[in-house]
Amino acid sequence: MQQAPTTFRVRGVAINKRRMQAGLSAPQLAALVGVTASYIRKLETGVRECMGPSSYIRLRAVLSATDDELLAPTEDPTTKKE
């Protein structure tokens, strides 16, 4: 059985895009998700890249977004960078 991740690595640009499409300010989104506006801004600008599961799930729901839209691509540890 696969365990849920302890953090989710997100794409800040995608969060910003979905927030703007929803017509929300950073403080409005923060209030809906239950985090601070500073936290949202840090995610959008890449200062922070990871979110806890409960915050991420609320963010995804508020933005009506999918994991494919919001999550950063994961690197496959079996492939080597050239």
PDB file of N, CA and C in Angstrom:
ATOM      1  N   MET A   1       0.841  -1.170   0.000  1.00  0.00           N
ATOM      2  CA  MET A   1       0.000   0.000   0.000  1.00  0.00           C
ATOM      3  C   MET A   1       0.891   1.239   0.000  1.00  0.00           C
ATOM      4  N   GLN A   2       0.616   2.174  -0.917  1.00  0.00           N
ATOM      5  CA  GLN A   2       1.427   3.372  -1.048  1.00  0.00           C
ATOM      6  C   GLN A   2       0.978   4.414  -0.035  1.00  0.00           C
ATOM      7  N   GLN A   3       1.967   5.006   0.644  1.00  0.00           N
ATOM      8  CA  GLN A   3       1.675   6.003   1.660  1.00  0.00           C
ATOM      9  C   GLN A   3       1.594   7.384   1.018  1.00  0.00           C
ATOM     10  N   ALA A   4       0.703   8.223   1.526  1.00  0.00           N
ATOM     11  CA  ALA A   4       0.565   9.590   1.011  1.00  0.00           C
ATOM     12  C   ALA A   4       1.845  10.364   1.309  1.00  0.00           C
ATOM     13  N   PRO A   5       2.251  11.247   0.384  1.00  0.00           N
ATOM     14  CA  PRO A   5       3.468  12.015   0.629  1.00  0.00           C
ATOM     15  C   PRO A   5       3.303  12.959   1.821  1.00  0.00           C
ATOM     16  N   THR A   6       4.413  13.245   2.490  1.00  0.00           N
ATOM     17  CA  THR A   6       4.355  14.158   3.633  1.00  0.00           C
ATOM     18  C   THR A   6       4.368  15.608   3.179  1.00  0.00           C
ATOM     19  N   THR A   7       4.901  15.868   1.986  1.00  0.00           N
ATOM     20  CA  THR A   7       4.840  17.205   1.398  1.00  0.00           C
ATOM     21  C   THR A   7       4.592  17.085  -0.098  1.00  0.00           C
ATOM     22  N   PHE A   8       4.073  18.140  -0.661  1.00  0.00           N
ATOM     23  CA  PHE A   8       3.813  18.199  -2.098  1.00  0.00           C
ATOM     24  C   PHE A   8       4.656  19.321  -2.685  1.00  0.00           C
ATOM     25  N   ARG A   9       5.471  19.009  -3.688  1.00  0.00           N
ATOM     26  CA  ARG A   9       6.283  20.018  -4.365  1.00  0.00           C
ATOM     27  C   ARG A   9       5.415  20.630  -5.466  1.00  0.00           C
ATOM     28  N   VAL A  10       5.171  21.938  -5.357  1.00  0.00           N
ATOM     29  CA  VAL A  10       4.231  22.603  -6.252  1.00  0.00           C
ATOM     30  C   VAL A  10       4.935  23.545  -7.225  1.00  0.00           C
ATOM     31  N   ARG A  11       4.216  23.872  -8.290  1.00  0.00           N
ATOM     32  CA  ARG A  11       4.691  24.824  -9.298  1.00  0.00           C
ATOM     33  C   ARG A  11       4.045  26.175  -9.006  1.00  0.00           C
ATOM     34  N   GLY A  12       4.845  27.119  -8.535  1.00  0.00           N
ATOM     35  CA  GLY A  12       4.340  28.426  -8.164  1.00  0.00           C
ATOM     36  C   GLY A  12       3.671  29.169  -9.303  1.00  0.00           C
ATOM     37  N   VAL A  13       4.250  29.054 -10.500  1.00  0.00           N
ATOM     38  CA  VAL A  13       3.680  29.728 -11.668  1.00  0.00           C
ATOM     39  C   VAL A  13       2.259  29.217 -11.926  1.00  0.00           C
ATOM     40  N   ALA A  14       2.045  27.922 -11.743  1.00  0.00           N
ATOM     41  CA  ALA A  14       0.720  27.338 -11.968  1.00  0.00           C
ATOM     42  C   ALA A  14      -0.275  27.820 -10.910  1.00  0.00           C
ATOM     43  N   ILE A  15       0.186  27.949  -9.671  1.00  0.00           N
ATOM     44  CA  ILE A  15      -0.697  28.460  -8.616  1.00  0.00           C
ATOM     45  C   ILE A  15      -1.119  29.883  -8.961  1.00  0.00           C
ATOM     46  N   ASN A  16      -0.150  30.703  -9.361  1.00  0.00           N
ATOM     47  CA  ASN A  16      -0.449  32.095  -9.720  1.00  0.00           C
ATOM     48  C   ASN A  16      -1.429  32.159 -10.881  1.00  0.00           C
ATOM     49  N   LYS A  17      -1.210  31.344 -11.891  1.00  0.00           N
ATOM     50  CA  LYS A  17      -2.087  31.340 -13.072  1.00  0.00           C
ATOM     51  C   LYS A  17      -3.513  30.965 -12.695  1.00  0.00           C
ATOM     52  N   ARG A  18      -3.667  29.908 -11.905  1.00  0.00           N
ATOM     53  CA  ARG A  18      -5.008  29.471 -11.500  1.00  0.00           C
ATOM     54  C   ARG A  18      -5.675  30.510 -10.594  1.00  0.00           C
ATOM     55  N   ARG A  19      -4.894  31.143  -9.708  1.00  0.00           N
ATOM     56  CA  ARG A  19      -5.444  32.173  -8.834  1.00  0.00           C
ATOM     57  C   ARG A  19      -5.973  33.340  -9.655  1.00  0.00           C
ATOM     58  N   MET A  20      -5.181  33.771 -10.644  1.00  0.00           N
ATOM     59  CA  MET A  20      -5.599  34.889 -11.491  1.00  0.00           C
ATOM     60  C   MET A  20      -6.845  34.516 -12.302  1.00  0.00           C
ATOM     61  N   GLN A  21      -6.893  33.290 -12.822  1.00  0.00           N
ATOM     62  CA  GLN A  21      -8.058  32.833 -13.578  1.00  0.00           C
ATOM     63  C   GLN A  21      -9.303  32.827 -12.704  1.00  0.00           C
ATOM     64  N   ALA A  22      -9.124  32.544 -11.410  1.00  0.00           N
ATOM     65  CA  ALA A  22     -10.256  32.508 -10.479  1.00  0.00           C
ATOM     66  C   ALA A  22     -10.647  33.912 -10.019  1.00  0.00           C
ATOM     67  N   GLY A  23      -9.844  34.912 -10.385  1.00  0.00           N
ATOM     68  CA  GLY A  23     -10.147  36.281  -9.999  1.00  0.00           C
ATOM     69  C   GLY A  23      -9.919  36.559  -8.520  1.00  0.00           C
ATOM     70  N   LEU A  24      -8.965  35.844  -7.932  1.00  0.00           N
ATOM     71  CA  LEU A  24      -8.684  35.990  -6.503  1.00  0.00           C
ATOM     72  C   LEU A  24      -7.370  36.717  -6.273  1.00  0.00           C
ATOM     73  N   SER A  25      -7.332  37.526  -5.227  1.00  0.00           N
ATOM     74  CA  SER A  25      -6.065  38.121  -4.791  1.00  0.00           C
ATOM     75  C   SER A  25      -5.350  37.084  -3.922  1.00  0.00           C
ATOM     76  N   ALA A  26      -4.073  37.311  -3.672  1.00  0.00           N
ATOM     77  CA  ALA A  26      -3.333  36.397  -2.792  1.00  0.00           C
ATOM     78  C   ALA A  26      -3.975  36.344  -1.400  1.00  0.00           C
ATOM     79  N   PRO A  27      -4.367  37.485  -0.806  1.00  0.00           N
ATOM     80  CA  PRO A  27      -5.030  37.399   0.505  1.00  0.00           C
ATOM     81  C   PRO A  27      -6.364  36.639   0.466  1.00  0.00           C
ATOM     82  N   GLN A  28      -7.116  36.798  -0.618  1.00  0.00           N
ATOM     83  CA  GLN A  28      -8.391  36.068  -0.735  1.00  0.00           C
ATOM     84  C   GLN A  28      -8.149  34.567  -0.821  1.00  0.00           C
ATOM     85  N   LEU A  29      -7.198  34.158  -1.650  1.00  0.00           N
ATOM     86  CA  LEU A  29      -6.880  32.738  -1.778  1.00  0.00           C
ATOM     87  C   LEU A  29      -6.380  32.198  -0.448  1.00  0.00           C
ATOM     88  N   ALA A  30      -5.514  32.954   0.202  1.00  0.00           N
ATOM     89  CA  ALA A  30      -4.967  32.525   1.490  1.00  0.00           C
ATOM     90  C   ALA A  30      -6.080  32.277   2.504  1.00  0.00           C
ATOM     91  N   ALA A  31      -7.045  33.185   2.566  1.00  0.00           N
ATOM     92  CA  ALA A  31      -8.155  33.038   3.515  1.00  0.00           C
ATOM     93  C   ALA A  31      -8.963  31.781   3.217  1.00  0.00           C
ATOM     94  N   LEU A  32      -9.179  31.491   1.955  1.00  0.00           N
ATOM     95  CA  LEU A  32      -9.956  30.310   1.570  1.00  0.00           C
ATOM     96  C   LEU A  32      -9.207  29.012   1.870  1.00  0.00           C
ATOM     97  N   VAL A  33      -7.890  29.055   1.748  1.00  0.00           N
ATOM     98  CA  VAL A  33      -7.060  27.859   1.965  1.00  0.00           C
ATOM     99  C   VAL A  33      -6.726  27.676   3.445  1.00  0.00           C
ATOM    100  N   GLY A  34      -6.719  28.799   4.187  1.00  0.00           N
ATOM    101  CA  GLY A  34      -6.372  28.714   5.605  1.00  0.00           C
ATOM    102  C   GLY A  34      -4.892  28.910   5.864  1.00  0.00           C
ATOM    103  N   VAL A  35      -4.237  29.686   4.997  1.00  0.00           N
ATOM    104  CA  VAL A  35      -2.821  30.021   5.159  1.00  0.00           C
ATOM    105  C   VAL A  35      -2.683  31.536   5.066  1.00  0.00           C
ATOM    106  N   THR A  36      -1.474  32.040   5.181  1.00  0.00           N
ATOM    107  CA  THR A  36      -1.270  33.491   5.084  1.00  0.00           C
ATOM    108  C   THR A  36      -1.039  33.908   3.637  1.00  0.00           C
ATOM    109  N   ALA A  37      -1.294  35.188   3.362  1.00  0.00           N
ATOM    110  CA  ALA A  37      -1.019  35.723   2.022  1.00  0.00           C
ATOM    111  C   ALA A  37       0.467  35.647   1.724  1.00  0.00           C
ATOM    112  N   SER A  38       1.294  35.837   2.730  1.00  0.00           N
ATOM    113  CA  SER A  38       2.744  35.734   2.563  1.00  0.00           C
ATOM    114  C   SER A  38       3.129  34.331   2.081  1.00  0.00           C
ATOM    115  N   TYR A  39       2.498  33.321   2.651  1.00  0.00           N
ATOM    116  CA  TYR A  39       2.760  31.931   2.252  1.00  0.00           C
ATOM    117  C   TYR A  39       2.394  31.718   0.779  1.00  0.00           C
ATOM    118  N   ILE A  40       1.235  32.224   0.359  1.00  0.00           N
ATOM    119  CA  ILE A  40       0.817  32.103  -1.046  1.00  0.00           C
ATOM    120  C   ILE A  40       1.833  32.794  -1.950  1.00  0.00           C
ATOM    121  N   ARG A  41       2.253  34.014  -1.580  1.00  0.00           N
ATOM    122  CA  ARG A  41       3.224  34.752  -2.402  1.00  0.00           C
ATOM    123  C   ARG A  41       4.551  34.006  -2.489  1.00  0.00           C
ATOM    124  N   LYS A  42       4.981  33.415  -1.388  1.00  0.00           N
ATOM    125  CA  LYS A  42       6.244  32.658  -1.393  1.00  0.00           C
ATOM    126  C   LYS A  42       6.146  31.440  -2.291  1.00  0.00           C
ATOM    127  N   LEU A  43       4.989  30.780  -2.300  1.00  0.00           N
ATOM    128  CA  LEU A  43       4.793  29.641  -3.198  1.00  0.00           C
ATOM    129  C   LEU A  43       4.832  30.102  -4.659  1.00  0.00           C
ATOM    130  N   GLU A  44       4.120  31.196  -4.948  1.00  0.00           N
ATOM    131  CA  GLU A  44       4.029  31.679  -6.327  1.00  0.00           C
ATOM    132  C   GLU A  44       5.373  32.155  -6.866  1.00  0.00           C
ATOM    133  N   THR A  45       6.216  32.695  -6.007  1.00  0.00           N
ATOM    134  CA  THR A  45       7.509  33.217  -6.465  1.00  0.00           C
ATOM    135  C   THR A  45       8.634  32.198  -6.366  1.00  0.00           C
ATOM    136  N   GLY A  46       8.341  31.020  -5.822  1.00  0.00           N
ATOM    137  CA  GLY A  46       9.352  29.972  -5.746  1.00  0.00           C
ATOM    138  C   GLY A  46      10.226  30.031  -4.508  1.00  0.00           C
ATOM    139  N   VAL A  47       9.954  30.972  -3.596  1.00  0.00           N
ATOM    140  CA  VAL A  47      10.709  31.028  -2.344  1.00  0.00           C
ATOM    141  C   VAL A  47      10.436  29.755  -1.540  1.00  0.00           C
ATOM    142  N   ARG A  48       9.186  29.322  -1.577  1.00  0.00           N
ATOM    143  CA  ARG A  48       8.794  28.027  -1.001  1.00  0.00           C
ATOM    144  C   ARG A  48       8.325  27.146  -2.143  1.00  0.00           C
ATOM    145  N   GLU A  49       8.652  25.860  -2.063  1.00  0.00           N
ATOM    146  CA  GLU A  49       8.250  24.932  -3.127  1.00  0.00           C
ATOM    147  C   GLU A  49       7.364  23.800  -2.635  1.00  0.00           C
ATOM    148  N   CYS A  50       7.323  23.581  -1.323  1.00  0.00           N
ATOM    149  CA  CYS A  50       6.596  22.434  -0.790  1.00  0.00           C
ATOM    150  C   CYS A  50       5.468  22.866   0.131  1.00  0.00           C
ATOM    151  N   MET A  51       4.404  22.081   0.092  1.00  0.00           N
ATOM    152  CA  MET A  51       3.233  22.310   0.939  1.00  0.00           C
ATOM    153  C   MET A  51       2.899  21.028   1.683  1.00  0.00           C
ATOM    154  N   GLY A  52       2.337  21.183   2.867  1.00  0.00           N
ATOM    155  CA  GLY A  52       1.831  20.032   3.600  1.00  0.00           C
ATOM    156  C   GLY A  52       0.567  19.507   2.937  1.00  0.00           C
ATOM    157  N   PRO A  53       0.214  18.265   3.210  1.00  0.00           N
ATOM    158  CA  PRO A  53      -0.937  17.646   2.541  1.00  0.00           C
ATOM    159  C   PRO A  53      -2.256  18.389   2.736  1.00  0.00           C
ATOM    160  N   SER A  54      -2.570  18.805   3.950  1.00  0.00           N
ATOM    161  CA  SER A  54      -3.881  19.428   4.170  1.00  0.00           C
ATOM    162  C   SER A  54      -3.984  20.770   3.447  1.00  0.00           C
ATOM    163  N   SER A  55      -2.931  21.576   3.491  1.00  0.00           N
ATOM    164  CA  SER A  55      -2.945  22.868   2.789  1.00  0.00           C
ATOM    165  C   SER A  55      -3.007  22.656   1.281  1.00  0.00           C
ATOM    166  N   TYR A  56      -2.234  21.688   0.783  1.00  0.00           N
ATOM    167  CA  TYR A  56      -2.234  21.432  -0.660  1.00  0.00           C
ATOM    168  C   TYR A  56      -3.614  20.985  -1.137  1.00  0.00           C
ATOM    169  N   ILE A  57      -4.239  20.105  -0.399  1.00  0.00           N
ATOM    170  CA  ILE A  57      -5.559  19.594  -0.797  1.00  0.00           C
ATOM    171  C   ILE A  57      -6.587  20.722  -0.816  1.00  0.00           C
ATOM    172  N   ARG A  58      -6.533  21.616   0.185  1.00  0.00           N
ATOM    173  CA  ARG A  58      -7.453  22.764   0.204  1.00  0.00           C
ATOM    174  C   ARG A  58      -7.160  23.705  -0.965  1.00  0.00           C
ATOM    175  N   LEU A  59      -5.883  23.970  -1.234  1.00  0.00           N
ATOM    176  CA  LEU A  59      -5.507  24.839  -2.349  1.00  0.00           C
ATOM    177  C   LEU A  59      -6.033  24.279  -3.665  1.00  0.00           C
ATOM    178  N   ARG A  60      -5.796  22.993  -3.881  1.00  0.00           N
ATOM    179  CA  ARG A  60      -6.249  22.343  -5.119  1.00  0.00           C
ATOM    180  C   ARG A  60      -7.762  22.445  -5.268  1.00  0.00           C
ATOM    181  N   ALA A  61      -8.485  22.246  -4.177  1.00  0.00           N
ATOM    182  CA  ALA A  61      -9.951  22.318  -4.226  1.00  0.00           C
ATOM    183  C   ALA A  61     -10.427  23.741  -4.506  1.00  0.00           C
ATOM    184  N   VAL A  62      -9.862  24.718  -3.819  1.00  0.00           N
ATOM    185  CA  VAL A  62     -10.273  26.115  -4.001  1.00  0.00           C
ATOM    186  C   VAL A  62     -10.018  26.565  -5.435  1.00  0.00           C
ATOM    187  N   LEU A  63      -8.898  26.141  -6.010  1.00  0.00           N
ATOM    188  CA  LEU A  63      -8.552  26.541  -7.376  1.00  0.00           C
ATOM    189  C   LEU A  63      -9.188  25.643  -8.440  1.00  0.00           C
ATOM    190  N   SER A  64      -9.899  24.616  -8.025  1.00  0.00           N
ATOM    191  CA  SER A  64     -10.472  23.634  -8.957  1.00  0.00           C
ATOM    192  C   SER A  64      -9.408  23.145  -9.934  1.00  0.00           C
ATOM    193  N   ALA A  65      -8.258  22.827  -9.380  1.00  0.00           N
ATOM    194  CA  ALA A  65      -7.111  22.417 -10.193  1.00  0.00           C
ATOM    195  C   ALA A  65      -6.829  20.929 -10.000  1.00  0.00           C
ATOM    196  N   THR A  66      -5.998  20.410 -10.880  1.00  0.00           N
ATOM    197  CA  THR A  66      -5.603  19.004 -10.807  1.00  0.00           C
ATOM    198  C   THR A  66      -4.150  18.907 -10.325  1.00  0.00           C
ATOM    199  N   ASP A  67      -3.764  17.720  -9.889  1.00  0.00           N
ATOM    200  CA  ASP A  67      -2.371  17.489  -9.514  1.00  0.00           C
ATOM    201  C   ASP A  67      -1.445  17.775 -10.688  1.00  0.00           C
ATOM    202  N   ASP A  68      -1.864  17.367 -11.890  1.00  0.00           N
ATOM    203  CA  ASP A  68      -1.025  17.587 -13.075  1.00  0.00           C
ATOM    204  C   ASP A  68      -0.737  19.068 -13.293  1.00  0.00           C
ATOM    205  N   GLU A  69      -1.693  19.918 -12.946  1.00  0.00           N
ATOM    206  CA  GLU A  69      -1.495  21.361 -13.104  1.00  0.00           C
ATOM    207  C   GLU A  69      -0.586  21.945 -12.033  1.00  0.00           C
ATOM    208  N   LEU A  70      -0.767  21.525 -10.800  1.00  0.00           N
ATOM    209  CA  LEU A  70      -0.114  22.182  -9.676  1.00  0.00           C
ATOM    210  C   LEU A  70       1.194  21.557  -9.215  1.00  0.00           C
ATOM    211  N   LEU A  71       1.346  20.266  -9.386  1.00  0.00           N
ATOM    212  CA  LEU A  71       2.546  19.620  -8.860  1.00  0.00           C
ATOM    213  C   LEU A  71       3.724  19.751  -9.817  1.00  0.00           C
ATOM    214  N   ALA A  72       4.889  20.010  -9.227  1.00  0.00           N
ATOM    215  CA  ALA A  72       6.121  20.077 -10.017  1.00  0.00           C
ATOM    216  C   ALA A  72       6.457  18.671 -10.489  1.00  0.00           C
ATOM    217  N   PRO A  73       7.051  18.561 -11.677  1.00  0.00           N
ATOM    218  CA  PRO A  73       7.429  17.229 -12.143  1.00  0.00           C
ATOM    219  C   PRO A  73       8.477  16.626 -11.203  1.00  0.00           C
ATOM    220  N   THR A  74       8.360  15.344 -10.992  1.00  0.00           N
ATOM    221  CA  THR A  74       9.342  14.666 -10.148  1.00  0.00           C
ATOM    222  C   THR A  74      10.430  14.089 -11.031  1.00  0.00           C
ATOM    223  N   GLU A  75      11.622  14.131 -10.516  1.00  0.00           N
ATOM    224  CA  GLU A  75      12.741  13.575 -11.274  1.00  0.00           C
ATOM    225  C   GLU A  75      12.821  12.084 -10.994  1.00  0.00           C
ATOM    226  N   ASP A  76      13.042  11.341 -12.031  1.00  0.00           N
ATOM    227  CA  ASP A  76      13.197   9.897 -11.900  1.00  0.00           C
ATOM    228  C   ASP A  76      14.632   9.619 -11.455  1.00  0.00           C
ATOM    229  N   PRO A  77      14.806   9.059 -10.262  1.00  0.00           N
ATOM    230  CA  PRO A  77      16.181   8.832  -9.776  1.00  0.00           C
ATOM    231  C   PRO A  77      16.948   7.799 -10.588  1.00  0.00           C
ATOM    232  N   THR A  78      16.245   7.054 -11.452  1.00  0.00           N
ATOM    233  CA  THR A  78      16.941   6.037 -12.248  1.00  0.00           C
ATOM    234  C   THR A  78      17.536   6.611 -13.526  1.00  0.00           C
ATOM    235  N   THR A  79      17.169   7.859 -13.871  1.00  0.00           N
ATOM    236  CA  THR A  79      17.744   8.464 -15.067  1.00  0.00           C
ATOM    237  C   THR A  79      18.849   9.419 -14.659  1.00  0.00           C
ATOM    238  N   LYS A  80      19.915   9.407 -15.435  1.00  0.00           N
ATOM    239  CA  LYS A  80      21.056  10.270 -15.133  1.00  0.00           C
ATOM    240  C   LYS A  80      21.006  11.512 -16.000  1.00  0.00           C
ATOM    241  N   LYS A  81      21.403  12.630 -15.391  1.00  0.00           N
ATOM    242  CA  LYS A  81      21.486  13.868 -16.159  1.00  0.00           C
ATOM    243  C   LYS A  81      22.787  13.862 -16.927  1.00  0.00           C
ATOM    244  N   GLU A  82      22.709  14.317 -18.156  1.00  0.00           N
ATOM    245  CA  GLU A  82      23.914  14.374 -19.006  1.00  0.00           C
ATOM    246  C   GLU A  82      24.591  15.702 -18.853  1.00  0.00           C
TER     247      GLU A  82
END
